[in-house]
PDB file of N, CA and C in Angstrom:
ATOM      1  N   MET A   1     200.314 -97.028  98.091  1.00  0.00           N
ATOM      2  CA  MET A   1     200.476 -95.646  98.473  1.00  0.00           C
ATOM      3  C   MET A   1     200.546 -94.749  97.239  1.00  0.00           C
ATOM      4  N   THR A   2     201.129 -95.240  96.165  1.00  0.00           N
ATOM      5  CA  THR A   2     201.247 -94.452  94.943  1.00  0.00           C
ATOM      6  C   THR A   2     199.873 -94.106  94.387  1.00  0.00           C
ATOM      7  N   ASN A   3     198.933 -95.044  94.451  1.00  0.00           N
ATOM      8  CA  ASN A   3     197.587 -94.781  93.948  1.00  0.00           C
ATOM      9  C   ASN A   3     196.929 -93.645  94.718  1.00  0.00           C
ATOM     10  N   TRP A   4     197.188 -93.586  96.028  1.00  0.00           N
ATOM     11  CA  TRP A   4     196.606 -92.523  96.840  1.00  0.00           C
ATOM     12  C   TRP A   4     197.181 -91.165  96.425  1.00  0.00           C
ATOM     13  N   PHE A   5     198.483 -91.105  96.212  1.00  0.00           N
ATOM     14  CA  PHE A   5     199.115 -89.857  95.767  1.00  0.00           C
ATOM     15  C   PHE A   5     198.618 -89.455  94.380  1.00  0.00           C
ATOM     16  N   ASP A   6     198.518 -90.429  93.490  1.00  0.00           N
ATOM     17  CA  ASP A   6     198.008 -90.133  92.145  1.00  0.00           C
ATOM     18  C   ASP A   6     196.582 -89.598  92.217  1.00  0.00           C
ATOM     19  N   ALA A   7     195.770 -90.223  93.067  1.00  0.00           N
ATOM     20  CA  ALA A   7     194.384 -89.773  93.216  1.00  0.00           C
ATOM     21  C   ALA A   7     194.336 -88.350  93.778  1.00  0.00           C
ATOM     22  N   ALA A   8     195.186 -88.062  94.756  1.00  0.00           N
ATOM     23  CA  ALA A   8     195.214 -86.716  95.343  1.00  0.00           C
ATOM     24  C   ALA A   8     195.675 -85.684  94.318  1.00  0.00           C
ATOM     25  N   ILE A   9     196.673 -86.018  93.534  1.00  0.00           N
ATOM     26  CA  ILE A   9     197.166 -85.096  92.503  1.00  0.00           C
ATOM     27  C   ILE A   9     196.095 -84.866  91.436  1.00  0.00           C
ATOM     28  N   ASN A  10     195.435 -85.932  91.013  1.00  0.00           N
ATOM     29  CA  ASN A  10     194.361 -85.795  90.018  1.00  0.00           C
ATOM     30  C   ASN A  10     193.219 -84.940  90.561  1.00  0.00           C
ATOM     31  N   TRP A  11     192.895 -85.139  91.839  1.00  0.00           N
ATOM     32  CA  TRP A  11     191.833 -84.356  92.463  1.00  0.00           C
ATOM     33  C   TRP A  11     192.213 -82.877  92.483  1.00  0.00           C
ATOM     34  N   GLN A  12     193.449 -82.570  92.822  1.00  0.00           N
ATOM     35  CA  GLN A  12     193.905 -81.179  92.832  1.00  0.00           C
ATOM     36  C   GLN A  12     193.888 -80.576  91.425  1.00  0.00           C
ATOM     37  N   LYS A  13     194.252 -81.373  90.428  1.00  0.00           N
ATOM     38  CA  LYS A  13     194.189 -80.893  89.044  1.00  0.00           C
ATOM     39  C   LYS A  13     192.751 -80.567  88.655  1.00  0.00           C
ATOM     40  N   GLN A  14     191.824 -81.422  89.077  1.00  0.00           N
ATOM     41  CA  GLN A  14     190.413 -81.175  88.778  1.00  0.00           C
ATOM     42  C   GLN A  14     189.928 -79.898  89.467  1.00  0.00           C
ATOM     43  N   LEU A  15     190.364 -79.694  90.706  1.00  0.00           N
ATOM     44  CA  LEU A  15     189.994 -78.465  91.409  1.00  0.00           C
ATOM     45  C   LEU A  15     190.533 -77.233  90.683  1.00  0.00           C
ATOM     46  N   LEU A  16     191.771 -77.291  90.252  1.00  0.00           N
ATOM     47  CA  LEU A  16     192.360 -76.165  89.521  1.00  0.00           C
ATOM     48  C   LEU A  16     191.637 -75.915  88.203  1.00  0.00           C
ATOM     49  N   ASP A  17     191.294 -76.986  87.494  1.00  0.00           N
ATOM     50  CA  ASP A  17     190.551 -76.835  86.239  1.00  0.00           C
ATOM     51  C   ASP A  17     189.187 -76.197  86.496  1.00  0.00           C
ATOM     52  N   THR A  18     188.539 -76.619  87.578  1.00  0.00           N
ATOM     53  CA  THR A  18     187.239 -76.051  87.931  1.00  0.00           C
ATOM     54  C   THR A  18     187.371 -74.573  88.266  1.00  0.00           C
ATOM     55  N   GLN A  19     188.405 -74.221  89.008  1.00  0.00           N
ATOM     56  CA  GLN A  19     188.625 -72.813  89.345  1.00  0.00           C
ATOM     57  C   GLN A  19     188.936 -71.985  88.101  1.00  0.00           C
ATOM     58  N   ARG A  20     189.712 -72.534  87.192  1.00  0.00           N
ATOM     59  CA  ARG A  20     189.995 -71.821  85.934  1.00  0.00           C
ATOM     60  C   ARG A  20     188.715 -71.599  85.136  1.00  0.00           C
ATOM     61  N   SER A  21     187.869 -72.618  85.102  1.00  0.00           N
ATOM     62  CA  SER A  21     186.598 -72.487  84.384  1.00  0.00           C
ATOM     63  C   SER A  21     185.717 -71.420  85.025  1.00  0.00           C
ATOM     64  N   ALA A  22     185.689 -71.391  86.360  1.00  0.00           N
ATOM     65  CA  ALA A  22     184.890 -70.383  87.057  1.00  0.00           C
ATOM     66  C   ALA A  22     185.424 -68.978  86.784  1.00  0.00           C
ATOM     67  N   LEU A  23     186.735 -68.828  86.772  1.00  0.00           N
ATOM     68  CA  LEU A  23     187.326 -67.522  86.462  1.00  0.00           C
ATOM     69  C   LEU A  23     187.003 -67.088  85.038  1.00  0.00           C
ATOM     70  N   GLU A  24     187.069 -68.016  84.112  1.00  0.00           N
ATOM     71  CA  GLU A  24     186.757 -67.699  82.716  1.00  0.00           C
ATOM     72  C   GLU A  24     185.290 -67.299  82.570  1.00  0.00           C
ATOM     73  N   ALA A  25     184.401 -68.014  83.257  1.00  0.00           N
ATOM     74  CA  ALA A  25     182.979 -67.658  83.216  1.00  0.00           C
ATOM     75  C   ALA A  25     182.761 -66.268  83.808  1.00  0.00           C
ATOM     76  N   GLY A  26     183.458 -65.964  84.881  1.00  0.00           N
ATOM     77  CA  GLY A  26     183.360 -64.632  85.472  1.00  0.00           C
ATOM     78  C   GLY A  26     183.865 -63.557  84.535  1.00  0.00           C
ATOM     79  N   ARG A  27     184.923 -63.857  83.813  1.00  0.00           N
ATOM     80  CA  ARG A  27     185.468 -62.909  82.843  1.00  0.00           C
ATOM     81  C   ARG A  27     184.450 -62.633  81.734  1.00  0.00           C
ATOM     82  N   HIS A  28     183.795 -63.687  81.255  1.00  0.00           N
ATOM     83  CA  HIS A  28     182.775 -63.505  80.217  1.00  0.00           C
ATOM     84  C   HIS A  28     181.612 -62.669  80.749  1.00  0.00           C
ATOM     85  N   ALA A  29     181.200 -62.936  81.983  1.00  0.00           N
ATOM     86  CA  ALA A  29     180.099 -62.175  82.573  1.00  0.00           C
ATOM     87  C   ALA A  29     180.475 -60.704  82.724  1.00  0.00           C
ATOM     88  N   THR A  30     181.701 -60.443  83.121  1.00  0.00           N
ATOM     89  CA  THR A  30     182.167 -59.062  83.264  1.00  0.00           C
ATOM     90  C   THR A  30     182.179 -58.357  81.913  1.00  0.00           C
ATOM     91  N   ASP A  31     182.657 -59.042  80.877  1.00  0.00           N
ATOM     92  CA  ASP A  31     182.676 -58.449  79.536  1.00  0.00           C
ATOM     93  C   ASP A  31     181.260 -58.144  79.060  1.00  0.00           C
ATOM     94  N   ALA A  32     180.342 -59.078  79.310  1.00  0.00           N
ATOM     95  CA  ALA A  32     178.956 -58.875  78.887  1.00  0.00           C
ATOM     96  C   ALA A  32     178.324 -57.711  79.644  1.00  0.00           C
ATOM     97  N   SER A  33     178.597 -57.604  80.929  1.00  0.00           N
ATOM     98  CA  SER A  33     178.012 -56.502  81.696  1.00  0.00           C
ATOM     99  C   SER A  33     178.605 -55.161  81.267  1.00  0.00           C
ATOM    100  N   ALA A  34     179.864 -55.139  80.891  1.00  0.00           N
ATOM    101  CA  ALA A  34     180.471 -53.892  80.404  1.00  0.00           C
ATOM    102  C   ALA A  34     179.784 -53.433  79.119  1.00  0.00           C
ATOM    103  N   ALA A  35     179.478 -54.367  78.237  1.00  0.00           N
ATOM    104  CA  ALA A  35     178.772 -54.023  76.998  1.00  0.00           C
ATOM    105  C   ALA A  35     177.362 -53.525  77.300  1.00  0.00           C
ATOM    106  N   LEU A  36     176.700 -54.145  78.265  1.00  0.00           N
ATOM    107  CA  LEU A  36     175.355 -53.713  78.648  1.00  0.00           C
ATOM    108  C   LEU A  36     175.383 -52.307  79.234  1.00  0.00           C
ATOM    109  N   ILE A  37     176.351 -52.031  80.077  1.00  0.00           N
ATOM    110  CA  ILE A  37     176.478 -50.693  80.663  1.00  0.00           C
ATOM    111  C   ILE A  37     176.732 -49.656  79.572  1.00  0.00           C
ATOM    112  N   ALA A  38     177.577 -49.980  78.621  1.00  0.00           N
ATOM    113  CA  ALA A  38     177.852 -49.055  77.514  1.00  0.00           C
ATOM    114  C   ALA A  38     176.584 -48.784  76.711  1.00  0.00           C
ATOM    115  N   ALA A  39     175.783 -49.817  76.474  1.00  0.00           N
ATOM    116  CA  ALA A  39     174.532 -49.642  75.736  1.00  0.00           C
ATOM    117  C   ALA A  39     173.554 -48.776  76.528  1.00  0.00           C
ATOM    118  N   GLN A  40     173.485 -48.988  77.843  1.00  0.00           N
ATOM    119  CA  GLN A  40     172.592 -48.175  78.665  1.00  0.00           C
ATOM    120  C   GLN A  40     173.031 -46.710  78.678  1.00  0.00           C
ATOM    121  N   GLU A  41     174.325 -46.473  78.739  1.00  0.00           N
ATOM    122  CA  GLU A  41     174.834 -45.099  78.697  1.00  0.00           C
ATOM    123  C   GLU A  41     174.509 -44.442  77.355  1.00  0.00           C
ATOM    124  N   ALA A  42     174.659 -45.193  76.271  1.00  0.00           N
ATOM    125  CA  ALA A  42     174.329 -44.652  74.947  1.00  0.00           C
ATOM    126  C   ALA A  42     172.839 -44.324  74.859  1.00  0.00           C
ATOM    127  N   THR A  43     172.001 -45.178  75.432  1.00  0.00           N
ATOM    128  CA  THR A  43     170.562 -44.931  75.444  1.00  0.00           C
ATOM    129  C   THR A  43     170.242 -43.673  76.245  1.00  0.00           C
ATOM    130  N   ARG A  44     170.910 -43.505  77.379  1.00  0.00           N
ATOM    131  CA  ARG A  44     170.697 -42.310  78.198  1.00  0.00           C
ATOM    132  C   ARG A  44     171.092 -41.048  77.434  1.00  0.00           C
ATOM    133  N   ARG A  45     172.243 -41.087  76.780  1.00  0.00           N
ATOM    134  CA  ARG A  45     172.697 -39.919  76.017  1.00  0.00           C
ATOM    135  C   ARG A  45     171.736 -39.612  74.862  1.00  0.00           C
ATOM    136  N   ALA A  46     171.240 -40.651  74.210  1.00  0.00           N
ATOM    137  CA  ALA A  46     170.286 -40.439  73.115  1.00  0.00           C
ATOM    138  C   ALA A  46     168.994 -39.825  73.647  1.00  0.00           C
ATOM    139  N   GLY A  47     168.543 -40.293  74.796  1.00  0.00           N
ATOM    140  CA  GLY A  47     167.347 -39.719  75.412  1.00  0.00           C
ATOM    141  C   GLY A  47     167.539 -38.259  75.779  1.00  0.00           C
ATOM    142  N   GLU A  48     168.696 -37.932  76.321  1.00  0.00           N
ATOM    143  CA  GLU A  48     168.990 -36.537  76.666  1.00  0.00           C
ATOM    144  C   GLU A  48     169.032 -35.661  75.414  1.00  0.00           C
ATOM    145  N   ALA A  49     169.628 -36.167  74.347  1.00  0.00           N
ATOM    146  CA  ALA A  49     169.685 -35.406  73.094  1.00  0.00           C
ATOM    147  C   ALA A  49     168.281 -35.214  72.523  1.00  0.00           C
ATOM    148  N   ASN A  50     167.450 -36.240  72.605  1.00  0.00           N
ATOM    149  CA  ASN A  50     166.079 -36.149  72.118  1.00  0.00           C
ATOM    150  C   ASN A  50     165.302 -35.109  72.924  1.00  0.00           C
ATOM    151  N   MET A  51     165.474 -35.129  74.243  1.00  0.00           N
ATOM    152  CA  MET A  51     164.789 -34.162  75.095  1.00  0.00           C
ATOM    153  C   MET A  51     165.243 -32.734  74.774  1.00  0.00           C
ATOM    154  N   ALA A  52     166.539 -32.554  74.555  1.00  0.00           N
ATOM    155  CA  ALA A  52     167.053 -31.225  74.210  1.00  0.00           C
ATOM    156  C   ALA A  52     166.465 -30.748  72.886  1.00  0.00           C
ATOM    157  N   ALA A  53     166.334 -31.643  71.926  1.00  0.00           N
ATOM    158  CA  ALA A  53     165.759 -31.267  70.630  1.00  0.00           C
ATOM    159  C   ALA A  53     164.297 -30.864  70.789  1.00  0.00           C
ATOM    160  N   TRP A  54     163.531 -31.626  71.575  1.00  0.00           N
ATOM    161  CA  TRP A  54     162.128 -31.285  71.798  1.00  0.00           C
ATOM    162  C   TRP A  54     161.994 -29.968  72.558  1.00  0.00           C
ATOM    163  N   GLN A  55     162.877 -29.738  73.512  1.00  0.00           N
ATOM    164  CA  GLN A  55     162.825 -28.477  74.250  1.00  0.00           C
ATOM    165  C   GLN A  55     163.135 -27.300  73.329  1.00  0.00           C
ATOM    166  N   ALA A  56     164.112 -27.474  72.453  1.00  0.00           N
ATOM    167  CA  ALA A  56     164.443 -26.411  71.500  1.00  0.00           C
ATOM    168  C   ALA A  56     163.274 -26.151  70.562  1.00  0.00           C
ATOM    169  N   TRP A  57     162.639 -27.212  70.095  1.00  0.00           N
ATOM    170  CA  TRP A  57     161.487 -27.064  69.202  1.00  0.00           C
ATOM    171  C   TRP A  57     160.345 -26.364  69.929  1.00  0.00           C
ATOM    172  N   ALA A  58     160.078 -26.781  71.160  1.00  0.00           N
ATOM    173  CA  ALA A  58     158.987 -26.176  71.925  1.00  0.00           C
ATOM    174  C   ALA A  58     159.289 -24.703  72.220  1.00  0.00           C
ATOM    175  N   HIS A  59     160.536 -24.414  72.527  1.00  0.00           N
ATOM    176  CA  HIS A  59     160.914 -23.024  72.790  1.00  0.00           C
ATOM    177  C   HIS A  59     160.767 -22.182  71.521  1.00  0.00           C
ATOM    178  N   LEU A  60     161.137 -22.763  70.386  1.00  0.00           N
ATOM    179  CA  LEU A  60     161.013 -22.056  69.114  1.00  0.00           C
ATOM    180  C   LEU A  60     159.566 -21.671  68.849  1.00  0.00           C
ATOM    181  N   TRP A  61     158.643 -22.588  69.123  1.00  0.00           N
ATOM    182  CA  TRP A  61     157.231 -22.352  68.859  1.00  0.00           C
ATOM    183  C   TRP A  61     156.484 -21.855  70.095  1.00  0.00           C
ATOM    184  N   ARG A  62     157.209 -21.604  71.157  1.00  0.00           N
ATOM    185  CA  ARG A  62     156.623 -21.138  72.414  1.00  0.00           C
ATOM    186  C   ARG A  62     155.510 -22.060  72.892  1.00  0.00           C
ATOM    187  N   ALA A  63     155.757 -23.349  72.738  1.00  0.00           N
ATOM    188  CA  ALA A  63     154.740 -24.326  73.103  1.00  0.00           C
ATOM    189  C   ALA A  63     154.844 -24.762  74.554  1.00  0.00           C
ATOM    190  N   GLY A  64     155.842 -24.303  75.256  1.00  0.00           N
ATOM    191  CA  GLY A  64     155.978 -24.727  76.642  1.00  0.00           C
ATOM    192  C   GLY A  64     156.899 -23.805  77.404  1.00  0.00           C
ATOM    193  N   PRO A  65     156.938 -23.975  78.704  1.00  0.00           N
ATOM    194  CA  PRO A  65     157.747 -23.095  79.547  1.00  0.00           C
ATOM    195  C   PRO A  65     159.222 -23.472  79.592  1.00  0.00           C
ATOM    196  N   TRP A  66     159.663 -24.398  78.750  1.00  0.00           N
ATOM    197  CA  TRP A  66     161.042 -24.858  78.825  1.00  0.00           C
ATOM    198  C   TRP A  66     161.948 -23.807  78.313  1.00  0.00           C
TER     199      TRP A  66
END
């Protein structure tokens, strides 16, 4: 009977270790996606700044209706 209890306890420990590993992997994925979102936001802001500069230049030279 002791072997059965030991096996059940070991199995539960393995399940907990697996769940901890899955949580850690999820944490890494969340951190990576946060960095990706920050990079995309920075790219968007840079694009908006570039567009504003081109619009100002075009307005200065009357090259467009902006």
